[in-house]
Protein backbone atom coordinates (compact mmCIF):
# COMPACT_ATOMS: atom_id res chain seq x y z
CA MET A 1 16.06 -3.32 -26.84
CA ALA A 2 14.32 -0.46 -25.06
CA TYR A 3 12.64 -0.95 -21.72
CA ARG A 4 9.45 0.83 -20.76
CA THR A 5 10.14 2.89 -17.65
CA THR A 6 6.65 4.27 -17.07
CA VAL A 7 3.46 2.64 -15.86
CA GLN A 8 -0.10 3.89 -15.92
CA CYS A 9 -1.53 4.69 -12.51
CA GLU A 10 -4.85 2.90 -11.99
CA SER A 11 -6.09 5.67 -9.74
CA CYS A 12 -5.41 8.86 -11.73
CA GLY A 13 -4.64 7.39 -15.18
CA SER A 14 -1.34 9.28 -15.63
CA ASN A 15 1.77 7.68 -17.10
CA ILE A 16 4.29 7.93 -14.28
CA VAL A 17 7.60 6.64 -12.98
CA PRO A 18 6.66 5.10 -9.61
CA ARG A 19 8.44 6.21 -6.44
CA MET A 20 9.65 3.50 -4.07
CA THR A 21 9.73 3.75 -0.28
CA PHE A 22 12.11 1.79 1.91
CA TYR A 23 12.07 0.64 5.54
CA ASN A 24 15.25 -0.77 7.09
CA GLY A 25 16.82 -1.05 3.65
CA ARG A 26 13.98 -3.10 2.18
CA PRO A 27 11.40 -1.82 -0.31
CA THR A 28 7.93 -1.48 1.17
CA ALA A 29 5.81 -0.07 -1.66
CA THR A 30 5.74 1.94 -4.86
CA PHE A 31 3.56 5.05 -5.06
CA CYS A 32 2.22 7.36 -7.75
CA PRO A 33 4.01 10.73 -7.37
CA ILE A 34 0.92 12.59 -8.62
CA CYS A 35 -1.98 11.19 -6.58
CA GLY A 36 -0.17 9.09 -3.93
CA ALA A 37 -1.94 5.82 -4.76
CA ILE A 38 -0.12 2.56 -4.02
CA ILE A 39 1.06 0.92 -7.25
CA GLN A 40 2.60 -2.22 -5.69
CA ASP A 41 2.87 -3.25 -2.04
CA PHE A 42 5.85 -5.40 -0.98
CA SER A 43 4.97 -5.78 2.71
CA PRO A 44 4.28 -9.27 4.10
CA PRO A 45 0.61 -10.32 3.95
CA LEU A 46 0.22 -10.36 7.74
CA PHE A 47 1.10 -6.66 8.07
CA LYS A 48 -1.62 -5.73 5.57
CA TYR A 49 -4.34 -7.12 7.87
CA ILE A 50 -3.18 -5.71 11.22
CA PRO A 51 -5.45 -2.59 11.04
CA VAL A 52 -8.44 -4.83 10.22
CA LEU A 53 -7.64 -7.16 13.11
CA ILE A 54 -7.37 -4.22 15.51
CA PHE A 55 -10.70 -2.83 14.32
CA VAL A 56 -12.42 -6.23 14.74
CA ALA A 57 -10.90 -6.69 18.20
CA MET A 58 -12.14 -3.25 19.25
CA GLY A 59 -15.61 -4.08 17.92
CA ILE A 60 -15.74 -7.35 19.84
CA PHE A 61 -14.51 -5.63 22.99
CA LEU A 62 -17.17 -2.92 22.71
CA PHE A 63 -19.86 -5.50 21.95
CA MET A 64 -18.94 -7.50 25.06
CA GLU A 65 -19.15 -4.34 27.19
CA TYR A 66 -22.86 -3.82 26.46
């Protein structure tokens, strides 16, 4: 039985072999080597929302200033 080793990138449409990045020995995400789009993200859900939470906190802080 043959396994399919390529996937189609949703961003650029190319058939690619995704590249995986690691942090502390654990996979974090797979990327398209052509356009750099994230194919699959393995990070915990909380870490995905940290930039949004920081942006909202800054907005609230600035709103309270004025």
